[in-house]
Amino acid sequence: MGESGVLVSLDLPAGVQNHLMYMGFVPDARVRVLHKAPAGDPTVYSVDGIEIALRHETSRAIWVAADSISTADEPVLAAEEPELIGAAR
């Protein structure tokens, strides 16, 4: 919870990818993990200020460049060499 990064790519079928891009999942968008459902799935993410719940199977295909772990509305500082991670972690 609270981990954030910058969206790098979506590895999803075209229809799903277009739907997510329409909701703000576009390259260079800031993505932050907000919270998980009590059973662990879905997880709620904030994408440039918009909250969206995604199931694990969808979020596994969303790649972000990790930049920092932060809480609340603190500014996030970019790491010198970001590592690609799956948003589902």
Protein backbone atom coordinates (compact mmCIF):
# COMPACT_ATOMS: atom_id res chain seq x y z
CA MET A 1 0.00 0.00 0.00
CA GLY A 2 1.24 3.46 -0.82
CA GLU A 3 3.75 2.28 -3.43
CA SER A 4 3.72 4.38 -6.57
CA GLY A 5 5.38 4.73 -9.93
CA VAL A 6 4.99 5.89 -13.50
CA LEU A 7 3.12 3.75 -16.01
CA VAL A 8 5.36 2.26 -18.69
CA SER A 9 3.15 -0.10 -20.68
CA LEU A 10 0.01 -2.22 -20.80
CA ASP A 11 0.30 -5.84 -21.90
CA LEU A 12 -3.41 -6.44 -22.46
CA PRO A 13 -5.78 -7.24 -25.34
CA ALA A 14 -6.58 -4.18 -27.44
CA GLY A 15 -10.15 -3.76 -26.13
CA VAL A 16 -9.13 -3.86 -22.47
CA GLN A 17 -6.09 -1.68 -23.13
CA ASN A 18 -8.19 0.98 -24.88
CA HIS A 19 -10.71 0.97 -22.03
CA LEU A 20 -7.98 1.46 -19.41
CA MET A 21 -6.27 4.15 -21.48
CA TYR A 22 -9.58 6.01 -21.69
CA MET A 23 -9.64 5.98 -17.85
CA GLY A 24 -6.13 7.42 -17.59
CA PHE A 25 -3.77 4.43 -17.80
CA VAL A 26 -1.51 6.09 -20.36
CA PRO A 27 2.30 6.20 -20.55
CA ASP A 28 3.87 8.48 -17.93
CA ALA A 29 0.71 8.51 -15.75
CA ARG A 30 1.36 8.37 -11.98
CA VAL A 31 -0.03 5.13 -10.48
CA ARG A 32 -0.38 4.57 -6.71
CA VAL A 33 -1.67 1.52 -4.82
CA LEU A 34 -4.38 2.72 -2.42
CA HIS A 35 -5.88 -0.41 -0.82
CA LYS A 36 -7.06 -3.98 -1.37
CA ALA A 37 -10.44 -5.55 -0.82
CA PRO A 38 -10.72 -7.61 2.38
CA ALA A 39 -10.34 -10.84 0.38
CA GLY A 40 -7.31 -9.39 -1.45
CA ASP A 41 -8.90 -8.89 -4.87
CA PRO A 42 -9.58 -6.36 -6.40
CA THR A 43 -7.00 -3.70 -5.57
CA VAL A 44 -7.79 0.01 -5.80
CA TYR A 45 -5.28 2.18 -7.65
CA SER A 46 -5.10 5.94 -8.11
CA VAL A 47 -4.16 7.02 -11.62
CA ASP A 48 -3.51 10.74 -11.85
CA GLY A 49 -6.15 11.33 -9.16
CA ILE A 50 -8.79 8.89 -10.43
CA GLU A 51 -9.48 5.78 -8.32
CA ILE A 52 -10.06 2.49 -10.10
CA ALA A 53 -10.38 -1.08 -8.84
CA LEU A 54 -8.65 -3.76 -10.90
CA ARG A 55 -8.61 -7.51 -10.50
CA HIS A 56 -5.28 -9.22 -10.01
CA GLU A 57 -5.35 -10.79 -13.48
CA THR A 58 -5.66 -7.35 -15.11
CA SER A 59 -3.20 -5.50 -12.89
CA ARG A 60 -0.53 -8.16 -13.54
CA ALA A 61 -0.32 -6.88 -17.12
CA ILE A 62 0.26 -3.24 -16.16
CA TRP A 63 3.93 -2.28 -15.91
CA VAL A 64 5.19 0.71 -13.99
CA ALA A 65 8.64 2.12 -13.28
CA ALA A 66 8.99 2.08 -9.50
CA ASP A 67 10.12 5.35 -8.08
CA SER A 68 9.39 5.45 -4.36
CA ILE A 69 7.23 4.31 -1.51
CA SER A 70 5.28 7.18 -0.06
CA THR A 71 2.13 7.77 1.93
CA ALA A 72 -0.87 10.07 1.67
CA ASP A 73 -0.31 13.00 -0.68
CA GLU A 74 3.43 13.38 -0.19
CA PRO A 75 5.38 14.15 -3.35
CA VAL A 76 7.07 11.13 -4.90
CA LEU A 77 10.70 11.47 -5.92
CA ALA A 78 11.96 9.54 -8.94
CA ALA A 79 14.70 6.99 -8.35
CA GLU A 80 17.94 7.35 -10.27
CA GLU A 81 17.48 3.99 -12.02
CA PRO A 82 13.85 2.80 -11.78
CA GLU A 83 13.17 -0.92 -11.93
CA LEU A 84 10.20 -2.26 -13.86
CA ILE A 85 7.68 -3.96 -11.60
CA GLY A 86 4.16 -5.27 -12.05
CA ALA A 87 1.45 -3.13 -10.53
CA ALA A 88 -0.05 -6.25 -8.95
CA ARG A 89 2.78 -6.68 -6.43
